[in-house]
PDB file of N, CA and C in Angstrom:
ATOM      1  N   MET A   1      -8.804  15.380 -62.564  1.00  0.00           N
ATOM      2  CA  MET A   1      -9.096  15.807 -61.312  1.00  0.00           C
ATOM      3  C   MET A   1     -10.027  16.205 -61.444  1.00  0.00           C
ATOM      4  N   ILE A   2     -10.345  15.556 -59.796  1.00  0.00           N
ATOM      5  CA  ILE A   2     -11.780  15.219 -59.332  1.00  0.00           C
ATOM      6  C   ILE A   2     -12.384  16.735 -58.344  1.00  0.00           C
ATOM      7  N   ARG A   3     -13.445  16.372 -59.379  1.00  0.00           N
ATOM      8  CA  ARG A   3     -13.785  17.979 -58.539  1.00  0.00           C
ATOM      9  C   ARG A   3     -15.147  17.962 -57.485  1.00  0.00           C
ATOM     10  N   LEU A   4     -14.965  18.128 -56.180  1.00  0.00           N
ATOM     11  CA  LEU A   4     -16.575  17.649 -56.056  1.00  0.00           C
ATOM     12  C   LEU A   4     -16.649  18.955 -55.348  1.00  0.00           C
ATOM     13  N   ARG A   5     -18.418  19.507 -55.594  1.00  0.00           N
ATOM     14  CA  ARG A   5     -19.259  19.762 -55.621  1.00  0.00           C
ATOM     15  C   ARG A   5     -20.192  19.759 -54.447  1.00  0.00           C
ATOM     16  N   ASP A   6     -20.551  20.792 -53.922  1.00  0.00           N
ATOM     17  CA  ASP A   6     -21.012  21.476 -52.681  1.00  0.00           C
ATOM     18  C   ASP A   6     -22.743  20.550 -52.789  1.00  0.00           C
ATOM     19  N   GLU A   7     -23.080  19.534 -52.244  1.00  0.00           N
ATOM     20  CA  GLU A   7     -25.010  19.501 -51.931  1.00  0.00           C
ATOM     21  C   GLU A   7     -25.634  20.201 -50.986  1.00  0.00           C
ATOM     22  N   ALA A   8     -26.742  21.405 -51.932  1.00  0.00           N
ATOM     23  CA  ALA A   8     -27.897  21.422 -50.600  1.00  0.00           C
ATOM     24  C   ALA A   8     -27.724  20.407 -49.428  1.00  0.00           C
ATOM     25  N   ALA A   9     -28.658  20.405 -48.613  1.00  0.00           N
ATOM     26  CA  ALA A   9     -29.568  19.282 -47.748  1.00  0.00           C
ATOM     27  C   ALA A   9     -30.921  18.899 -48.985  1.00  0.00           C
ATOM     28  N   SER A  10     -31.061  17.901 -49.054  1.00  0.00           N
ATOM     29  CA  SER A  10     -31.961  17.562 -49.244  1.00  0.00           C
ATOM     30  C   SER A  10     -33.133  17.617 -48.813  1.00  0.00           C
ATOM     31  N   THR A  11     -34.390  18.968 -49.315  1.00  0.00           N
ATOM     32  CA  THR A  11     -35.768  18.817 -48.715  1.00  0.00           C
ATOM     33  C   THR A  11     -36.736  18.796 -49.464  1.00  0.00           C
ATOM     34  N   SER A  12     -36.556  17.279 -50.413  1.00  0.00           N
ATOM     35  CA  SER A  12     -37.362  17.342 -50.932  1.00  0.00           C
ATOM     36  C   SER A  12     -38.610  15.729 -50.624  1.00  0.00           C
ATOM     37  N   HIS A  13     -37.975  15.501 -49.612  1.00  0.00           N
ATOM     38  CA  HIS A  13     -38.722  14.312 -48.300  1.00  0.00           C
ATOM     39  C   HIS A  13     -38.897  14.497 -47.468  1.00  0.00           C
ATOM     40  N   SER A  14     -39.905  13.884 -47.756  1.00  0.00           N
ATOM     41  CA  SER A  14     -41.789  14.225 -47.044  1.00  0.00           C
ATOM     42  C   SER A  14     -41.224  13.969 -45.545  1.00  0.00           C
ATOM     43  N   PRO A  15     -41.821  14.709 -44.580  1.00  0.00           N
ATOM     44  CA  PRO A  15     -41.935  14.223 -43.622  1.00  0.00           C
ATOM     45  C   PRO A  15     -42.759  13.070 -42.968  1.00  0.00           C
ATOM     46  N   PRO A  16     -42.155  12.425 -41.493  1.00  0.00           N
ATOM     47  CA  PRO A  16     -42.838  11.124 -41.415  1.00  0.00           C
ATOM     48  C   PRO A  16     -44.145  11.552 -41.717  1.00  0.00           C
ATOM     49  N   SER A  17     -45.090  10.318 -41.759  1.00  0.00           N
ATOM     50  CA  SER A  17     -46.795  10.589 -41.456  1.00  0.00           C
ATOM     51  C   SER A  17     -46.593  10.849 -39.860  1.00  0.00           C
ATOM     52  N   GLN A  18     -46.925   9.802 -39.498  1.00  0.00           N
ATOM     53  CA  GLN A  18     -46.485   9.796 -37.513  1.00  0.00           C
ATOM     54  C   GLN A  18     -45.371  10.192 -37.364  1.00  0.00           C
ATOM     55  N   LEU A  19     -45.583  11.064 -36.092  1.00  0.00           N
ATOM     56  CA  LEU A  19     -44.198  10.589 -35.130  1.00  0.00           C
ATOM     57  C   LEU A  19     -44.307  10.327 -33.980  1.00  0.00           C
ATOM     58  N   PRO A  20     -42.976   9.394 -33.204  1.00  0.00           N
ATOM     59  CA  PRO A  20     -42.827   8.519 -32.244  1.00  0.00           C
ATOM     60  C   PRO A  20     -43.046   9.036 -31.102  1.00  0.00           C
ATOM     61  N   SER A  21     -44.019   8.253 -30.973  1.00  0.00           N
ATOM     62  CA  SER A  21     -44.705   8.665 -29.356  1.00  0.00           C
ATOM     63  C   SER A  21     -43.995   9.191 -28.096  1.00  0.00           C
ATOM     64  N   ALA A  22     -44.010   9.685 -27.153  1.00  0.00           N
ATOM     65  CA  ALA A  22     -43.531   8.855 -26.439  1.00  0.00           C
ATOM     66  C   ALA A  22     -42.837   8.307 -25.306  1.00  0.00           C
ATOM     67  N   SER A  23     -44.024   7.231 -25.214  1.00  0.00           N
ATOM     68  CA  SER A  23     -43.710   5.800 -24.506  1.00  0.00           C
ATOM     69  C   SER A  23     -43.533   4.613 -26.292  1.00  0.00           C
ATOM     70  N   SER A  24     -42.436   4.263 -25.484  1.00  0.00           N
ATOM     71  CA  SER A  24     -42.413   2.898 -27.248  1.00  0.00           C
ATOM     72  C   SER A  24     -43.029   1.933 -26.859  1.00  0.00           C
ATOM     73  N   ARG A  25     -43.364   1.557 -26.125  1.00  0.00           N
ATOM     74  CA  ARG A  25     -44.930   0.533 -25.762  1.00  0.00           C
ATOM     75  C   ARG A  25     -45.866   0.780 -25.842  1.00  0.00           C
ATOM     76  N   GLU A  26     -46.781   1.846 -26.581  1.00  0.00           N
ATOM     77  CA  GLU A  26     -47.351   2.013 -27.575  1.00  0.00           C
ATOM     78  C   GLU A  26     -46.989   2.067 -29.217  1.00  0.00           C
ATOM     79  N   ASP A  27     -46.085   1.939 -29.925  1.00  0.00           N
ATOM     80  CA  ASP A  27     -45.290   1.967 -30.949  1.00  0.00           C
ATOM     81  C   ASP A  27     -45.138   0.175 -30.858  1.00  0.00           C
ATOM     82  N   ARG A  28     -45.119  -0.562 -30.346  1.00  0.00           N
ATOM     83  CA  ARG A  28     -45.156  -1.968 -30.347  1.00  0.00           C
ATOM     84  C   ARG A  28     -46.613  -2.843 -30.420  1.00  0.00           C
ATOM     85  N   PRO A  29     -46.815  -3.603 -31.397  1.00  0.00           N
ATOM     86  CA  PRO A  29     -48.166  -4.104 -30.828  1.00  0.00           C
ATOM     87  C   PRO A  29     -47.823  -5.043 -30.046  1.00  0.00           C
ATOM     88  N   GLU A  30     -48.680  -5.430 -29.417  1.00  0.00           N
ATOM     89  CA  GLU A  30     -48.797  -6.621 -28.593  1.00  0.00           C
ATOM     90  C   GLU A  30     -48.932  -7.816 -28.777  1.00  0.00           C
ATOM     91  N   VAL A  31     -47.743  -8.426 -28.551  1.00  0.00           N
ATOM     92  CA  VAL A  31     -47.766 -10.333 -28.687  1.00  0.00           C
ATOM     93  C   VAL A  31     -48.153 -10.995 -28.331  1.00  0.00           C
ATOM     94  N   THR A  32     -48.616 -11.601 -28.426  1.00  0.00           N
ATOM     95  CA  THR A  32     -49.495 -12.909 -27.369  1.00  0.00           C
ATOM     96  C   THR A  32     -48.993 -14.437 -28.011  1.00  0.00           C
ATOM     97  N   LEU A  33     -48.439 -14.418 -26.644  1.00  0.00           N
ATOM     98  CA  LEU A  33     -47.464 -16.300 -26.369  1.00  0.00           C
ATOM     99  C   LEU A  33     -48.250 -16.832 -26.288  1.00  0.00           C
ATOM    100  N   PRO A  34     -47.946 -17.905 -26.203  1.00  0.00           N
ATOM    101  CA  PRO A  34     -48.641 -19.344 -25.966  1.00  0.00           C
ATOM    102  C   PRO A  34     -48.491 -19.420 -24.394  1.00  0.00           C
ATOM    103  N   PRO A  35     -49.217 -20.306 -23.552  1.00  0.00           N
ATOM    104  CA  PRO A  35     -49.454 -20.435 -22.331  1.00  0.00           C
ATOM    105  C   PRO A  35     -47.935 -20.519 -21.955  1.00  0.00           C
ATOM    106  N   ARG A  36     -47.251 -21.829 -22.250  1.00  0.00           N
ATOM    107  CA  ARG A  36     -46.146 -22.472 -22.067  1.00  0.00           C
ATOM    108  C   ARG A  36     -45.215 -21.644 -22.287  1.00  0.00           C
ATOM    109  N   LYS A  37     -45.011 -21.214 -22.823  1.00  0.00           N
ATOM    110  CA  LYS A  37     -43.917 -19.846 -23.684  1.00  0.00           C
ATOM    111  C   LYS A  37     -43.939 -18.714 -22.146  1.00  0.00           C
ATOM    112  N   ARG A  38     -44.872 -18.428 -22.021  1.00  0.00           N
ATOM    113  CA  ARG A  38     -45.524 -17.579 -20.919  1.00  0.00           C
ATOM    114  C   ARG A  38     -45.031 -17.645 -19.584  1.00  0.00           C
ATOM    115  N   GLN A  39     -44.698 -19.453 -20.053  1.00  0.00           N
ATOM    116  CA  GLN A  39     -45.048 -19.560 -18.064  1.00  0.00           C
ATOM    117  C   GLN A  39     -43.525 -19.842 -18.211  1.00  0.00           C
ATOM    118  N   ASP A  40     -43.239 -20.346 -18.674  1.00  0.00           N
ATOM    119  CA  ASP A  40     -41.066 -19.557 -18.440  1.00  0.00           C
ATOM    120  C   ASP A  40     -40.628 -18.868 -18.678  1.00  0.00           C
ATOM    121  N   MET A  41     -41.565 -18.164 -19.346  1.00  0.00           N
ATOM    122  CA  MET A  41     -40.554 -16.459 -18.917  1.00  0.00           C
ATOM    123  C   MET A  41     -41.280 -16.078 -17.674  1.00  0.00           C
ATOM    124  N   ASP A  42     -42.650 -16.251 -17.415  1.00  0.00           N
ATOM    125  CA  ASP A  42     -42.463 -15.588 -15.563  1.00  0.00           C
ATOM    126  C   ASP A  42     -41.709 -16.764 -14.505  1.00  0.00           C
ATOM    127  N   GLU A  43     -40.845 -17.521 -14.746  1.00  0.00           N
ATOM    128  CA  GLU A  43     -40.321 -18.282 -14.167  1.00  0.00           C
ATOM    129  C   GLU A  43     -38.719 -17.641 -13.936  1.00  0.00           C
ATOM    130  N   ILE A  44     -38.216 -17.370 -15.221  1.00  0.00           N
ATOM    131  CA  ILE A  44     -37.083 -16.905 -15.745  1.00  0.00           C
ATOM    132  C   ILE A  44     -36.847 -15.350 -14.941  1.00  0.00           C
ATOM    133  N   TYR A  45     -38.274 -14.296 -14.866  1.00  0.00           N
ATOM    134  CA  TYR A  45     -38.556 -13.391 -14.423  1.00  0.00           C
ATOM    135  C   TYR A  45     -38.782 -13.333 -12.901  1.00  0.00           C
ATOM    136  N   THR A  46     -39.516 -14.653 -12.718  1.00  0.00           N
ATOM    137  CA  THR A  46     -39.186 -15.176 -11.160  1.00  0.00           C
ATOM    138  C   THR A  46     -37.628 -15.370 -10.222  1.00  0.00           C
ATOM    139  N   ILE A  47     -37.596 -15.691 -10.823  1.00  0.00           N
ATOM    140  CA  ILE A  47     -35.820 -16.252 -10.813  1.00  0.00           C
ATOM    141  C   ILE A  47     -34.788 -15.346 -10.656  1.00  0.00           C
ATOM    142  N   LEU A  48     -35.065 -14.286 -11.607  1.00  0.00           N
ATOM    143  CA  LEU A  48     -33.836 -12.621 -11.201  1.00  0.00           C
ATOM    144  C   LEU A  48     -34.264 -11.798 -10.729  1.00  0.00           C
ATOM    145  N   ASP A  49     -35.775 -11.888 -10.332  1.00  0.00           N
ATOM    146  CA  ASP A  49     -36.199 -10.830  -9.408  1.00  0.00           C
ATOM    147  C   ASP A  49     -35.770 -11.457  -7.927  1.00  0.00           C
ATOM    148  N   ASP A  50     -35.680 -12.737  -7.268  1.00  0.00           N
ATOM    149  CA  ASP A  50     -34.720 -13.433  -5.908  1.00  0.00           C
ATOM    150  C   ASP A  50     -33.497 -13.408  -5.642  1.00  0.00           C
ATOM    151  N   GLU A  51     -32.777 -13.482  -7.756  1.00  0.00           N
ATOM    152  CA  GLU A  51     -31.409 -12.977  -7.477  1.00  0.00           C
ATOM    153  C   GLU A  51     -31.051 -11.149  -7.121  1.00  0.00           C
ATOM    154  N   GLN A  52     -31.657 -11.049  -7.651  1.00  0.00           N
ATOM    155  CA  GLN A  52     -31.674  -9.208  -7.536  1.00  0.00           C
ATOM    156  C   GLN A  52     -32.050  -8.889  -5.747  1.00  0.00           C
ATOM    157  N   THR A  53     -33.461 -10.044  -5.381  1.00  0.00           N
ATOM    158  CA  THR A  53     -33.415  -9.808  -4.071  1.00  0.00           C
ATOM    159  C   THR A  53     -32.426  -9.934  -3.161  1.00  0.00           C
ATOM    160  N   GLU A  54     -31.619 -11.043  -3.448  1.00  0.00           N
ATOM    161  CA  GLU A  54     -30.684 -11.646  -2.842  1.00  0.00           C
ATOM    162  C   GLU A  54     -29.032 -10.825  -2.889  1.00  0.00           C
ATOM    163  N   ARG A  55     -29.367 -10.090  -3.628  1.00  0.00           N
ATOM    164  CA  ARG A  55     -28.195  -9.530  -3.894  1.00  0.00           C
ATOM    165  C   ARG A  55     -28.125  -8.318  -2.390  1.00  0.00           C
ATOM    166  N   GLN A  56     -29.319  -8.034  -2.441  1.00  0.00           N
ATOM    167  CA  GLN A  56     -30.172  -6.487  -1.944  1.00  0.00           C
ATOM    168  C   GLN A  56     -29.846  -6.927  -0.344  1.00  0.00           C
ATOM    169  N   LEU A  57     -30.431  -8.702  -0.058  1.00  0.00           N
ATOM    170  CA  LEU A  57     -29.855  -8.445   1.084  1.00  0.00           C
ATOM    171  C   LEU A  57     -28.554  -8.779   1.737  1.00  0.00           C
ATOM    172  N   LEU A  58     -27.835  -9.302   0.515  1.00  0.00           N
ATOM    173  CA  LEU A  58     -26.588  -9.475   1.254  1.00  0.00           C
ATOM    174  C   LEU A  58     -25.768  -7.975   0.776  1.00  0.00           C
ATOM    175  N   ALA A  59     -25.913  -6.840   0.265  1.00  0.00           N
ATOM    176  CA  ALA A  59     -24.994  -5.409   0.433  1.00  0.00           C
ATOM    177  C   ALA A  59     -25.307  -5.555   1.592  1.00  0.00           C
ATOM    178  N   GLY A  60     -27.530  -4.718   1.778  1.00  0.00           N
ATOM    179  CA  GLY A  60     -27.353  -4.459   3.410  1.00  0.00           C
ATOM    180  C   GLY A  60     -26.992  -5.641   4.462  1.00  0.00           C
ATOM    181  N   ARG A  61     -27.083  -6.612   4.487  1.00  0.00           N
ATOM    182  CA  ARG A  61     -25.645  -6.911   5.466  1.00  0.00           C
ATOM    183  C   ARG A  61     -24.402  -6.286   5.257  1.00  0.00           C
ATOM    184  N   LEU A  62     -23.587  -6.310   4.393  1.00  0.00           N
ATOM    185  CA  LEU A  62     -22.179  -6.116   4.620  1.00  0.00           C
ATOM    186  C   LEU A  62     -22.643  -4.428   4.854  1.00  0.00           C
ATOM    187  N   ASN A  63     -23.585  -3.714   5.088  1.00  0.00           N
ATOM    188  CA  ASN A  63     -23.489  -2.312   5.008  1.00  0.00           C
ATOM    189  C   ASN A  63     -23.711  -1.936   6.849  1.00  0.00           C
ATOM    190  N   MET A  64     -24.758  -3.086   7.755  1.00  0.00           N
ATOM    191  CA  MET A  64     -24.539  -3.343   8.341  1.00  0.00           C
ATOM    192  C   MET A  64     -23.657  -3.482   9.334  1.00  0.00           C
ATOM    193  N   LEU A  65     -22.328  -4.344   8.301  1.00  0.00           N
ATOM    194  CA  LEU A  65     -21.010  -4.822   9.089  1.00  0.00           C
ATOM    195  C   LEU A  65     -20.470  -4.199   9.240  1.00  0.00           C
ATOM    196  N   PHE A  66     -20.117  -2.774   8.641  1.00  0.00           N
ATOM    197  CA  PHE A  66     -19.128  -1.897   8.230  1.00  0.00           C
ATOM    198  C   PHE A  66     -20.075  -0.894   9.980  1.00  0.00           C
ATOM    199  N   ARG A  67     -21.520  -0.414   9.827  1.00  0.00           N
ATOM    200  CA  ARG A  67     -22.433  -0.084  11.051  1.00  0.00           C
ATOM    201  C   ARG A  67     -20.999   0.074  11.846  1.00  0.00           C
ATOM    202  N   ASP A  68     -21.659  -1.721  11.746  1.00  0.00           N
ATOM    203  CA  ASP A  68     -21.371  -2.405  13.138  1.00  0.00           C
ATOM    204  C   ASP A  68     -20.021  -2.322  13.929  1.00  0.00           C
ATOM    205  N   ARG A  69     -19.389  -2.544  12.510  1.00  0.00           N
ATOM    206  CA  ARG A  69     -17.956  -2.238  13.425  1.00  0.00           C
ATOM    207  C   ARG A  69     -16.574  -1.099  13.316  1.00  0.00           C
ATOM    208  N   ARG A  70     -18.032   0.040  13.080  1.00  0.00           N
ATOM    209  CA  ARG A  70     -17.552   1.455  13.484  1.00  0.00           C
ATOM    210  C   ARG A  70     -17.870   1.738  15.136  1.00  0.00           C
ATOM    211  N   ALA A  71     -19.229   0.860  15.267  1.00  0.00           N
ATOM    212  CA  ALA A  71     -20.124   0.881  16.476  1.00  0.00           C
ATOM    213  C   ALA A  71     -19.198   0.285  17.856  1.00  0.00           C
ATOM    214  N   HIS A  72     -18.464  -0.755  17.818  1.00  0.00           N
ATOM    215  CA  HIS A  72     -17.625  -2.121  18.096  1.00  0.00           C
ATOM    216  C   HIS A  72     -16.309  -1.716  18.872  1.00  0.00           C
ATOM    217  N   ALA A  73     -15.362  -0.291  17.609  1.00  0.00           N
ATOM    218  CA  ALA A  73     -14.780   0.012  17.802  1.00  0.00           C
ATOM    219  C   ALA A  73     -14.669   1.457  18.155  1.00  0.00           C
ATOM    220  N   TYR A  74     -15.885   2.520  18.286  1.00  0.00           N
ATOM    221  CA  TYR A  74     -15.855   3.398  19.776  1.00  0.00           C
ATOM    222  C   TYR A  74     -15.698   2.724  21.134  1.00  0.00           C
ATOM    223  N   THR A  75     -16.475   1.468  21.628  1.00  0.00           N
ATOM    224  CA  THR A  75     -17.452   1.391  22.179  1.00  0.00           C
ATOM    225  C   THR A  75     -15.718   0.416  22.970  1.00  0.00           C
ATOM    226  N   HIS A  76     -15.187  -0.267  21.999  1.00  0.00           N
ATOM    227  CA  HIS A  76     -13.681  -0.506  22.300  1.00  0.00           C
ATOM    228  C   HIS A  76     -13.013   0.313  22.440  1.00  0.00           C
ATOM    229  N   GLN A  77     -12.880   1.485  22.466  1.00  0.00           N
ATOM    230  CA  GLN A  77     -11.911   2.419  22.608  1.00  0.00           C
ATOM    231  C   GLN A  77     -12.344   2.983  24.516  1.00  0.00           C
ATOM    232  N   LEU A  78     -13.986   3.459  24.372  1.00  0.00           N
ATOM    233  CA  LEU A  78     -14.302   4.354  25.689  1.00  0.00           C
ATOM    234  C   LEU A  78     -13.851   2.645  26.647  1.00  0.00           C
ATOM    235  N   MET A  79     -13.959   1.938  25.976  1.00  0.00           N
ATOM    236  CA  MET A  79     -13.435   0.844  27.625  1.00  0.00           C
ATOM    237  C   MET A  79     -12.585   0.498  27.770  1.00  0.00           C
ATOM    238  N   GLU A  80     -11.789   1.244  26.558  1.00  0.00           N
ATOM    239  CA  GLU A  80     -10.053   1.298  26.946  1.00  0.00           C
ATOM    240  C   GLU A  80      -9.665   2.548  27.808  1.00  0.00           C
ATOM    241  N   THR A  81      -9.935   3.706  27.658  1.00  0.00           N
ATOM    242  CA  THR A  81     -10.177   4.627  28.065  1.00  0.00           C
ATOM    243  C   THR A  81     -10.561   4.737  29.431  1.00  0.00           C
ATOM    244  N   GLU A  82     -11.362   3.707  30.125  1.00  0.00           N
ATOM    245  CA  GLU A  82     -12.491   4.093  31.414  1.00  0.00           C
ATOM    246  C   GLU A  82     -10.977   3.339  32.342  1.00  0.00           C
TER     247      GLU A  82
END
């Protein structure tokens, strides 16, 4: 027969010596990268930013086409009724 015993939550552990800060950046040490690696990272971030900007421009153009389509349909309807 297996007996299970109810164990109370352990309170013998001490609380953490330092609470985590609100900003996770403060918890991480600053890393110094070699110039070449820093330049490569800057190039990658620039490419990613350019791609995001391009996507935002395309989304804006698409939204404008939808608005223009409705305006064109309304203008067409007005011209047909005259």
